[in-house]
């Protein structure tokens, strides 16, 4: 990950903007009262993506190499897979 501006904007600002948009998407889904398995898994996927972005850009794990980069990804993937399995089995 480089810190070179893209279109004059730093990568951390782009990531922060993406986080705001994804938060607005999940808020809108909740306010509209949308539900069901596909919506639940979609919102879970958004949460995992947001967690990965925070870990990579704001916790600085994206610049690391090797084993140190994996704890946050594993921490997101394992509970995310378990929650997705629970949602799928409950429907």
PDB file of N, CA and C in Angstrom:
ATOM      1  N   UNK A   1       0.825  -1.169   0.000  1.00  0.00           N
ATOM      2  CA  UNK A   1       0.000   0.000   0.000  1.00  0.00           C
ATOM      3  C   UNK A   1       0.872   1.236   0.000  1.00  0.00           C
ATOM      4  N   UNK A   2       0.631   2.073  -0.928  1.00  0.00           N
ATOM      5  CA  UNK A   2       1.412   3.297  -0.984  1.00  0.00           C
ATOM      6  C   UNK A   2       0.584   4.441  -0.422  1.00  0.00           C
ATOM      7  N   UNK A   3       1.276   5.486  -0.072  1.00  0.00           N
ATOM      8  CA  UNK A   3       0.610   6.683   0.425  1.00  0.00           C
ATOM      9  C   UNK A   3       0.494   7.743  -0.652  1.00  0.00           C
ATOM     10  N   UNK A   4       0.651   7.316  -1.925  1.00  0.00           N
ATOM     11  CA  UNK A   4       0.538   8.256  -3.026  1.00  0.00           C
ATOM     12  C   UNK A   4      -0.918   8.665  -3.207  1.00  0.00           C
ATOM     13  N   UNK A   5      -1.154   9.953  -3.345  1.00  0.00           N
ATOM     14  CA  UNK A   5      -2.529  10.403  -3.578  1.00  0.00           C
ATOM     15  C   UNK A   5      -3.058   9.915  -4.923  1.00  0.00           C
ATOM     16  N   UNK A   6      -4.324   9.549  -4.944  1.00  0.00           N
ATOM     17  CA  UNK A   6      -5.021   9.184  -6.175  1.00  0.00           C
ATOM     18  C   UNK A   6      -6.075  10.250  -6.402  1.00  0.00           C
ATOM     19  N   UNK A   7      -5.967  10.955  -7.517  1.00  0.00           N
ATOM     20  CA  UNK A   7      -6.836  12.092  -7.823  1.00  0.00           C
ATOM     21  C   UNK A   7      -6.725  13.169  -6.741  1.00  0.00           C
ATOM     22  N   UNK A   8      -5.522  13.278  -6.162  1.00  0.00           N
ATOM     23  CA  UNK A   8      -5.278  14.297  -5.153  1.00  0.00           C
ATOM     24  C   UNK A   8      -5.769  13.947  -3.757  1.00  0.00           C
ATOM     25  N   UNK A   9      -6.232  12.722  -3.555  1.00  0.00           N
ATOM     26  CA  UNK A   9      -6.776  12.311  -2.258  1.00  0.00           C
ATOM     27  C   UNK A   9      -5.952  11.142  -1.734  1.00  0.00           C
ATOM     28  N   UNK A  10      -5.573  11.194  -0.463  1.00  0.00           N
ATOM     29  CA  UNK A  10      -4.783  10.132   0.158  1.00  0.00           C
ATOM     30  C   UNK A  10      -5.585   8.837   0.265  1.00  0.00           C
ATOM     31  N   UNK A  11      -4.902   7.681   0.239  1.00  0.00           N
ATOM     32  CA  UNK A  11      -5.603   6.396   0.352  1.00  0.00           C
ATOM     33  C   UNK A  11      -6.440   6.272   1.621  1.00  0.00           C
ATOM     34  N   UNK A  12      -5.949   6.791   2.738  1.00  0.00           N
ATOM     35  CA  UNK A  12      -6.722   6.691   3.981  1.00  0.00           C
ATOM     36  C   UNK A  12      -8.036   7.467   3.884  1.00  0.00           C
ATOM     37  N   UNK A  13      -8.032   8.551   3.147  1.00  0.00           N
ATOM     38  CA  UNK A  13      -9.271   9.314   2.940  1.00  0.00           C
ATOM     39  C   UNK A  13     -10.237   8.533   2.062  1.00  0.00           C
ATOM     40  N   UNK A  14      -9.706   7.854   1.024  1.00  0.00           N
ATOM     41  CA  UNK A  14     -10.561   7.002   0.187  1.00  0.00           C
ATOM     42  C   UNK A  14     -11.178   5.894   1.028  1.00  0.00           C
ATOM     43  N   UNK A  15     -10.367   5.247   1.860  1.00  0.00           N
ATOM     44  CA  UNK A  15     -10.866   4.149   2.690  1.00  0.00           C
ATOM     45  C   UNK A  15     -11.915   4.671   3.660  1.00  0.00           C
ATOM     46  N   UNK A  16     -11.664   5.814   4.267  1.00  0.00           N
ATOM     47  CA  UNK A  16     -12.639   6.390   5.191  1.00  0.00           C
ATOM     48  C   UNK A  16     -13.954   6.691   4.470  1.00  0.00           C
ATOM     49  N   UNK A  17     -13.861   7.192   3.248  1.00  0.00           N
ATOM     50  CA  UNK A  17     -15.075   7.461   2.462  1.00  0.00           C
ATOM     51  C   UNK A  17     -15.826   6.166   2.149  1.00  0.00           C
ATOM     52  N   UNK A  18     -15.090   5.112   1.824  1.00  0.00           N
ATOM     53  CA  UNK A  18     -15.721   3.813   1.555  1.00  0.00           C
ATOM     54  C   UNK A  18     -16.402   3.299   2.812  1.00  0.00           C
ATOM     55  N   UNK A  19     -15.753   3.452   3.965  1.00  0.00           N
ATOM     56  CA  UNK A  19     -16.361   3.022   5.225  1.00  0.00           C
ATOM     57  C   UNK A  19     -17.662   3.775   5.503  1.00  0.00           C
ATOM     58  N   UNK A  20     -17.680   5.062   5.218  1.00  0.00           N
ATOM     59  CA  UNK A  20     -18.897   5.851   5.416  1.00  0.00           C
ATOM     60  C   UNK A  20     -20.007   5.366   4.487  1.00  0.00           C
ATOM     61  N   UNK A  21     -19.676   5.116   3.225  1.00  0.00           N
ATOM     62  CA  UNK A  21     -20.683   4.639   2.265  1.00  0.00           C
ATOM     63  C   UNK A  21     -21.234   3.281   2.696  1.00  0.00           C
ATOM     64  N   UNK A  22     -20.349   2.358   3.100  1.00  0.00           N
ATOM     65  CA  UNK A  22     -20.803   1.032   3.530  1.00  0.00           C
ATOM     66  C   UNK A  22     -21.657   1.121   4.792  1.00  0.00           C
ATOM     67  N   UNK A  23     -21.307   2.023   5.696  1.00  0.00           N
ATOM     68  CA  UNK A  23     -22.123   2.232   6.894  1.00  0.00           C
ATOM     69  C   UNK A  23     -23.497   2.757   6.511  1.00  0.00           C
ATOM     70  N   UNK A  24     -23.555   3.684   5.570  1.00  0.00           N
ATOM     71  CA  UNK A  24     -24.832   4.215   5.108  1.00  0.00           C
ATOM     72  C   UNK A  24     -25.673   3.122   4.449  1.00  0.00           C
ATOM     73  N   UNK A  25     -25.033   2.226   3.701  1.00  0.00           N
ATOM     74  CA  UNK A  25     -25.751   1.112   3.067  1.00  0.00           C
ATOM     75  C   UNK A  25     -26.384   0.214   4.127  1.00  0.00           C
ATOM     76  N   UNK A  26     -25.610  -0.153   5.152  1.00  0.00           N
ATOM     77  CA  UNK A  26     -26.177  -1.027   6.194  1.00  0.00           C
ATOM     78  C   UNK A  26     -27.257  -0.299   6.992  1.00  0.00           C
ATOM     79  N   UNK A  27     -27.089   0.988   7.222  1.00  0.00           N
ATOM     80  CA  UNK A  27     -28.116   1.773   7.918  1.00  0.00           C
ATOM     81  C   UNK A  27     -29.408   1.796   7.109  1.00  0.00           C
ATOM     82  N   UNK A  28     -29.280   2.007   5.798  1.00  0.00           N
ATOM     83  CA  UNK A  28     -30.449   2.044   4.929  1.00  0.00           C
ATOM     84  C   UNK A  28     -31.159   0.693   4.900  1.00  0.00           C
ATOM     85  N   UNK A  29     -30.404  -0.384   4.864  1.00  0.00           N
ATOM     86  CA  UNK A  29     -31.004  -1.719   4.891  1.00  0.00           C
ATOM     87  C   UNK A  29     -31.805  -1.904   6.171  1.00  0.00           C
ATOM     88  N   UNK A  30     -31.250  -1.467   7.279  1.00  0.00           N
ATOM     89  CA  UNK A  30     -31.959  -1.579   8.555  1.00  0.00           C
ATOM     90  C   UNK A  30     -33.198  -0.714   8.617  1.00  0.00           C
ATOM     91  N   UNK A  31     -33.099   0.511   8.135  1.00  0.00           N
ATOM     92  CA  UNK A  31     -34.244   1.423   8.166  1.00  0.00           C
ATOM     93  C   UNK A  31     -35.362   0.971   7.230  1.00  0.00           C
ATOM     94  N   UNK A  32     -35.010   0.341   6.127  1.00  0.00           N
ATOM     95  CA  UNK A  32     -36.021  -0.154   5.194  1.00  0.00           C
ATOM     96  C   UNK A  32     -36.676  -1.434   5.695  1.00  0.00           C
ATOM     97  N   UNK A  33     -36.106  -2.034   6.717  1.00  0.00           N
ATOM     98  CA  UNK A  33     -36.669  -3.257   7.269  1.00  0.00           C
ATOM     99  C   UNK A  33     -36.448  -4.480   6.396  1.00  0.00           C
ATOM    100  N   UNK A  34     -35.431  -4.445   5.588  1.00  0.00           N
ATOM    101  CA  UNK A  34     -35.146  -5.579   4.719  1.00  0.00           C
ATOM    102  C   UNK A  34     -34.636  -6.741   5.562  1.00  0.00           C
ATOM    103  N   UNK A  35     -34.964  -7.936   5.165  1.00  0.00           N
ATOM    104  CA  UNK A  35     -34.540  -9.102   5.922  1.00  0.00           C
ATOM    105  C   UNK A  35     -34.394 -10.304   5.021  1.00  0.00           C
ATOM    106  N   UNK A  36     -34.166 -11.418   5.647  1.00  0.00           N
ATOM    107  CA  UNK A  36     -33.984 -12.648   4.908  1.00  0.00           C
ATOM    108  C   UNK A  36     -32.528 -13.068   4.926  1.00  0.00           C
ATOM    109  N   UNK A  37     -32.299 -14.277   4.463  1.00  0.00           N
ATOM    110  CA  UNK A  37     -30.961 -14.856   4.497  1.00  0.00           C
ATOM    111  C   UNK A  37     -29.977 -14.073   3.643  1.00  0.00           C
ATOM    112  N   UNK A  38     -30.362 -13.731   2.430  1.00  0.00           N
ATOM    113  CA  UNK A  38     -29.436 -13.055   1.523  1.00  0.00           C
ATOM    114  C   UNK A  38     -29.052 -11.666   2.043  1.00  0.00           C
ATOM    115  N   UNK A  39     -30.008 -10.947   2.588  1.00  0.00           N
ATOM    116  CA  UNK A  39     -29.718  -9.621   3.145  1.00  0.00           C
ATOM    117  C   UNK A  39     -28.821  -9.750   4.369  1.00  0.00           C
ATOM    118  N   UNK A  40     -29.101 -10.729   5.225  1.00  0.00           N
ATOM    119  CA  UNK A  40     -28.274 -10.941   6.418  1.00  0.00           C
ATOM    120  C   UNK A  40     -26.836 -11.265   6.042  1.00  0.00           C
ATOM    121  N   UNK A  41     -26.656 -12.131   5.072  1.00  0.00           N
ATOM    122  CA  UNK A  41     -25.304 -12.482   4.637  1.00  0.00           C
ATOM    123  C   UNK A  41     -24.617 -11.304   3.950  1.00  0.00           C
ATOM    124  N   UNK A  42     -25.380 -10.492   3.246  1.00  0.00           N
ATOM    125  CA  UNK A  42     -24.829  -9.297   2.605  1.00  0.00           C
ATOM    126  C   UNK A  42     -24.319  -8.310   3.654  1.00  0.00           C
ATOM    127  N   UNK A  43     -25.125  -8.074   4.693  1.00  0.00           N
ATOM    128  CA  UNK A  43     -24.723  -7.156   5.764  1.00  0.00           C
ATOM    129  C   UNK A  43     -23.515  -7.723   6.515  1.00  0.00           C
ATOM    130  N   UNK A  44     -23.490  -9.027   6.741  1.00  0.00           N
ATOM    131  CA  UNK A  44     -22.336  -9.663   7.371  1.00  0.00           C
ATOM    132  C   UNK A  44     -21.086  -9.490   6.513  1.00  0.00           C
ATOM    133  N   UNK A  45     -21.227  -9.652   5.214  1.00  0.00           N
ATOM    134  CA  UNK A  45     -20.103  -9.447   4.303  1.00  0.00           C
ATOM    135  C   UNK A  45     -19.585  -8.016   4.348  1.00  0.00           C
ATOM    136  N   UNK A  46     -20.502  -7.064   4.424  1.00  0.00           N
ATOM    137  CA  UNK A  46     -20.094  -5.665   4.543  1.00  0.00           C
ATOM    138  C   UNK A  46     -19.314  -5.450   5.837  1.00  0.00           C
ATOM    139  N   UNK A  47     -19.776  -6.049   6.927  1.00  0.00           N
ATOM    140  CA  UNK A  47     -19.079  -5.903   8.211  1.00  0.00           C
ATOM    141  C   UNK A  47     -17.668  -6.488   8.141  1.00  0.00           C
ATOM    142  N   UNK A  48     -17.524  -7.621   7.465  1.00  0.00           N
ATOM    143  CA  UNK A  48     -16.197  -8.239   7.333  1.00  0.00           C
ATOM    144  C   UNK A  48     -15.290  -7.365   6.464  1.00  0.00           C
ATOM    145  N   UNK A  49     -15.816  -6.832   5.383  1.00  0.00           N
ATOM    146  CA  UNK A  49     -15.027  -5.937   4.529  1.00  0.00           C
ATOM    147  C   UNK A  49     -14.592  -4.696   5.303  1.00  0.00           C
ATOM    148  N   UNK A  50     -15.510  -4.114   6.071  1.00  0.00           N
ATOM    149  CA  UNK A  50     -15.163  -2.936   6.856  1.00  0.00           C
ATOM    150  C   UNK A  50     -14.093  -3.261   7.889  1.00  0.00           C
ATOM    151  N   UNK A  51     -14.198  -4.400   8.535  1.00  0.00           N
ATOM    152  CA  UNK A  51     -13.180  -4.805   9.501  1.00  0.00           C
ATOM    153  C   UNK A  51     -11.823  -4.977   8.848  1.00  0.00           C
ATOM    154  N   UNK A  52     -11.827  -5.564   7.655  1.00  0.00           N
ATOM    155  CA  UNK A  52     -10.566  -5.741   6.927  1.00  0.00           C
ATOM    156  C   UNK A  52      -9.961  -4.391   6.544  1.00  0.00           C
ATOM    157  N   UNK A  53     -10.775  -3.465   6.093  1.00  0.00           N
ATOM    158  CA  UNK A  53     -10.272  -2.138   5.733  1.00  0.00           C
ATOM    159  C   UNK A  53      -9.692  -1.418   6.944  1.00  0.00           C
ATOM    160  N   UNK A  54     -10.370  -1.498   8.072  1.00  0.00           N
ATOM    161  CA  UNK A  54      -9.859  -0.859   9.295  1.00  0.00           C
ATOM    162  C   UNK A  54      -8.533  -1.488   9.700  1.00  0.00           C
ATOM    163  N   UNK A  55      -8.465  -2.826   9.675  1.00  0.00           N
ATOM    164  CA  UNK A  55      -7.226  -3.502  10.034  1.00  0.00           C
ATOM    165  C   UNK A  55      -6.080  -3.170   9.098  1.00  0.00           C
ATOM    166  N   UNK A  56      -6.358  -3.127   7.819  1.00  0.00           N
ATOM    167  CA  UNK A  56      -5.301  -2.899   6.830  1.00  0.00           C
ATOM    168  C   UNK A  56      -4.804  -1.460   6.807  1.00  0.00           C
ATOM    169  N   UNK A  57      -5.714  -0.505   6.858  1.00  0.00           N
ATOM    170  CA  UNK A  57      -5.317   0.882   6.669  1.00  0.00           C
ATOM    171  C   UNK A  57      -5.139   1.655   7.965  1.00  0.00           C
ATOM    172  N   UNK A  58      -6.034   1.493   8.929  1.00  0.00           N
ATOM    173  CA  UNK A  58      -5.975   2.332  10.124  1.00  0.00           C
ATOM    174  C   UNK A  58      -5.214   1.684  11.274  1.00  0.00           C
ATOM    175  N   UNK A  59      -5.104   0.352  11.279  1.00  0.00           N
ATOM    176  CA  UNK A  59      -4.261  -0.316  12.267  1.00  0.00           C
ATOM    177  C   UNK A  59      -2.869  -0.573  11.713  1.00  0.00           C
ATOM    178  N   UNK A  60      -2.663  -0.317  10.436  1.00  0.00           N
ATOM    179  CA  UNK A  60      -1.357  -0.438   9.819  1.00  0.00           C
ATOM    180  C   UNK A  60      -0.938  -1.857   9.486  1.00  0.00           C
ATOM    181  N   UNK A  61      -1.864  -2.805   9.499  1.00  0.00           N
ATOM    182  CA  UNK A  61      -1.504  -4.196   9.241  1.00  0.00           C
ATOM    183  C   UNK A  61      -1.287  -4.483   7.759  1.00  0.00           C
ATOM    184  N   UNK A  62      -1.742  -3.618   6.893  1.00  0.00           N
ATOM    185  CA  UNK A  62      -1.557  -3.823   5.464  1.00  0.00           C
ATOM    186  C   UNK A  62      -0.112  -3.674   5.021  1.00  0.00           C
ATOM    187  N   UNK A  63       0.692  -2.997   5.827  1.00  0.00           N
ATOM    188  CA  UNK A  63       2.098  -2.789   5.480  1.00  0.00           C
ATOM    189  C   UNK A  63       2.990  -3.888   6.023  1.00  0.00           C
ATOM    190  N   UNK A  64       2.455  -4.763   6.846  1.00  0.00           N
ATOM    191  CA  UNK A  64       3.256  -5.831   7.441  1.00  0.00           C
ATOM    192  C   UNK A  64       3.382  -7.015   6.499  1.00  0.00           C
ATOM    193  N   UNK A  65       4.380  -7.821   6.740  1.00  0.00           N
ATOM    194  CA  UNK A  65       4.601  -9.026   5.950  1.00  0.00           C
ATOM    195  C   UNK A  65       4.507 -10.238   6.859  1.00  0.00           C
ATOM    196  N   UNK A  66       4.154 -11.351   6.269  1.00  0.00           N
ATOM    197  CA  UNK A  66       4.198 -12.619   6.979  1.00  0.00           C
ATOM    198  C   UNK A  66       3.072 -12.817   7.979  1.00  0.00           C
ATOM    199  N   UNK A  67       3.408 -13.476   9.059  1.00  0.00           N
ATOM    200  CA  UNK A  67       2.438 -13.927  10.051  1.00  0.00           C
ATOM    201  C   UNK A  67       1.692 -12.793  10.737  1.00  0.00           C
ATOM    202  N   UNK A  68       2.313 -11.651  10.898  1.00  0.00           N
ATOM    203  CA  UNK A  68       1.696 -10.564  11.655  1.00  0.00           C
ATOM    204  C   UNK A  68       0.491  -9.948  10.949  1.00  0.00           C
ATOM    205  N   UNK A  69       0.353 -10.201   9.676  1.00  0.00           N
ATOM    206  CA  UNK A  69      -0.765  -9.633   8.935  1.00  0.00           C
ATOM    207  C   UNK A  69      -2.046 -10.468   9.102  1.00  0.00           C
ATOM    208  N   UNK A  70      -1.911 -11.704   9.518  1.00  0.00           N
ATOM    209  CA  UNK A  70      -3.033 -12.638   9.527  1.00  0.00           C
ATOM    210  C   UNK A  70      -3.969 -12.588  10.726  1.00  0.00           C
ATOM    211  N   UNK A  71      -3.569 -12.201  11.924  1.00  0.00           N
ATOM    212  CA  UNK A  71      -4.497 -12.304  13.066  1.00  0.00           C
ATOM    213  C   UNK A  71      -5.839 -11.615  12.872  1.00  0.00           C
ATOM    214  N   UNK A  72      -5.850 -10.394  12.352  1.00  0.00           N
ATOM    215  CA  UNK A  72      -7.131  -9.698  12.178  1.00  0.00           C
ATOM    216  C   UNK A  72      -7.953 -10.363  11.085  1.00  0.00           C
ATOM    217  N   UNK A  73      -7.316 -10.807  10.010  1.00  0.00           N
ATOM    218  CA  UNK A  73      -8.056 -11.490   8.942  1.00  0.00           C
ATOM    219  C   UNK A  73      -8.672 -12.788   9.450  1.00  0.00           C
ATOM    220  N   UNK A  74      -7.906 -13.554  10.192  1.00  0.00           N
ATOM    221  CA  UNK A  74      -8.431 -14.808  10.752  1.00  0.00           C
ATOM    222  C   UNK A  74      -9.539 -14.508  11.752  1.00  0.00           C
ATOM    223  N   UNK A  75      -9.349 -13.460  12.555  1.00  0.00           N
ATOM    224  CA  UNK A  75     -10.354 -13.072  13.540  1.00  0.00           C
ATOM    225  C   UNK A  75     -11.655 -12.657  12.847  1.00  0.00           C
ATOM    226  N   UNK A  76     -11.584 -12.124  11.652  1.00  0.00           N
ATOM    227  CA  UNK A  76     -12.787 -11.759  10.902  1.00  0.00           C
ATOM    228  C   UNK A  76     -13.387 -12.957  10.173  1.00  0.00           C
ATOM    229  N   UNK A  77     -12.542 -13.810   9.607  1.00  0.00           N
ATOM    230  CA  UNK A  77     -13.026 -14.918   8.787  1.00  0.00           C
ATOM    231  C   UNK A  77     -13.689 -16.009   9.630  1.00  0.00           C
ATOM    232  N   UNK A  78     -13.061 -16.413  10.712  1.00  0.00           N
ATOM    233  CA  UNK A  78     -13.621 -17.523  11.507  1.00  0.00           C
ATOM    234  C   UNK A  78     -14.980 -17.168  12.115  1.00  0.00           C
ATOM    235  N   UNK A  79     -15.105 -16.064  12.875  1.00  0.00           N
ATOM    236  CA  UNK A  79     -16.449 -15.736  13.376  1.00  0.00           C
ATOM    237  C   UNK A  79     -17.441 -15.445  12.249  1.00  0.00           C
ATOM    238  N   UNK A  80     -16.960 -14.812  11.161  1.00  0.00           N
ATOM    239  CA  UNK A  80     -17.851 -14.542  10.033  1.00  0.00           C
ATOM    240  C   UNK A  80     -18.384 -15.817   9.420  1.00  0.00           C
ATOM    241  N   UNK A  81     -17.523 -16.825   9.273  1.00  0.00           N
ATOM    242  CA  UNK A  81     -17.964 -18.118   8.724  1.00  0.00           C
ATOM    243  C   UNK A  81     -18.925 -18.816   9.680  1.00  0.00           C
ATOM    244  N   UNK A  82     -18.649 -18.733  10.976  1.00  0.00           N
ATOM    245  CA  UNK A  82     -19.553 -19.361  11.950  1.00  0.00           C
ATOM    246  C   UNK A  82     -20.916 -18.677  11.974  1.00  0.00           C
ATOM    247  N   UNK A  83     -20.921 -17.356  11.915  1.00  0.00           N
ATOM    248  CA  UNK A  83     -22.189 -16.618  11.891  1.00  0.00           C
ATOM    249  C   UNK A  83     -22.952 -16.909  10.599  1.00  0.00           C
ATOM    250  N   UNK A  84     -22.250 -16.944   9.478  1.00  0.00           N
ATOM    251  CA  UNK A  84     -22.896 -17.265   8.198  1.00  0.00           C
ATOM    252  C   UNK A  84     -23.484 -18.677   8.233  1.00  0.00           C
ATOM    253  N   UNK A  85     -22.770 -19.612   8.815  1.00  0.00           N
ATOM    254  CA  UNK A  85     -23.285 -20.984   8.940  1.00  0.00           C
ATOM    255  C   UNK A  85     -24.530 -21.003   9.817  1.00  0.00           C
ATOM    256  N   UNK A  86     -24.493 -20.279  10.930  1.00  0.00           N
ATOM    257  CA  UNK A  86     -25.659 -20.233  11.824  1.00  0.00           C
ATOM    258  C   UNK A  86     -26.864 -19.619  11.111  1.00  0.00           C
ATOM    259  N   UNK A  87     -26.659 -18.528  10.361  1.00  0.00           N
ATOM    260  CA  UNK A  87     -27.760 -17.922   9.607  1.00  0.00           C
ATOM    261  C   UNK A  87     -28.323 -18.896   8.583  1.00  0.00           C
ATOM    262  N   UNK A  88     -27.436 -19.567   7.870  1.00  0.00           N
ATOM    263  CA  UNK A  88     -27.865 -20.481   6.818  1.00  0.00           C
ATOM    264  C   UNK A  88     -28.637 -21.661   7.386  1.00  0.00           C
ATOM    265  N   UNK A  89     -28.166 -22.196   8.509  1.00  0.00           N
ATOM    266  CA  UNK A  89     -28.858 -23.338   9.104  1.00  0.00           C
ATOM    267  C   UNK A  89     -30.186 -22.958   9.737  1.00  0.00           C
ATOM    268  N   UNK A  90     -30.315 -21.707  10.149  1.00  0.00           N
ATOM    269  CA  UNK A  90     -31.562 -21.301  10.808  1.00  0.00           C
ATOM    270  C   UNK A  90     -32.689 -21.029   9.816  1.00  0.00           C
ATOM    271  N   UNK A  91     -32.376 -20.866   8.541  1.00  0.00           N
ATOM    272  CA  UNK A  91     -33.429 -20.600   7.544  1.00  0.00           C
ATOM    273  C   UNK A  91     -33.890 -21.862   6.894  1.00  0.00           C
TER     274      UNK A  91
END
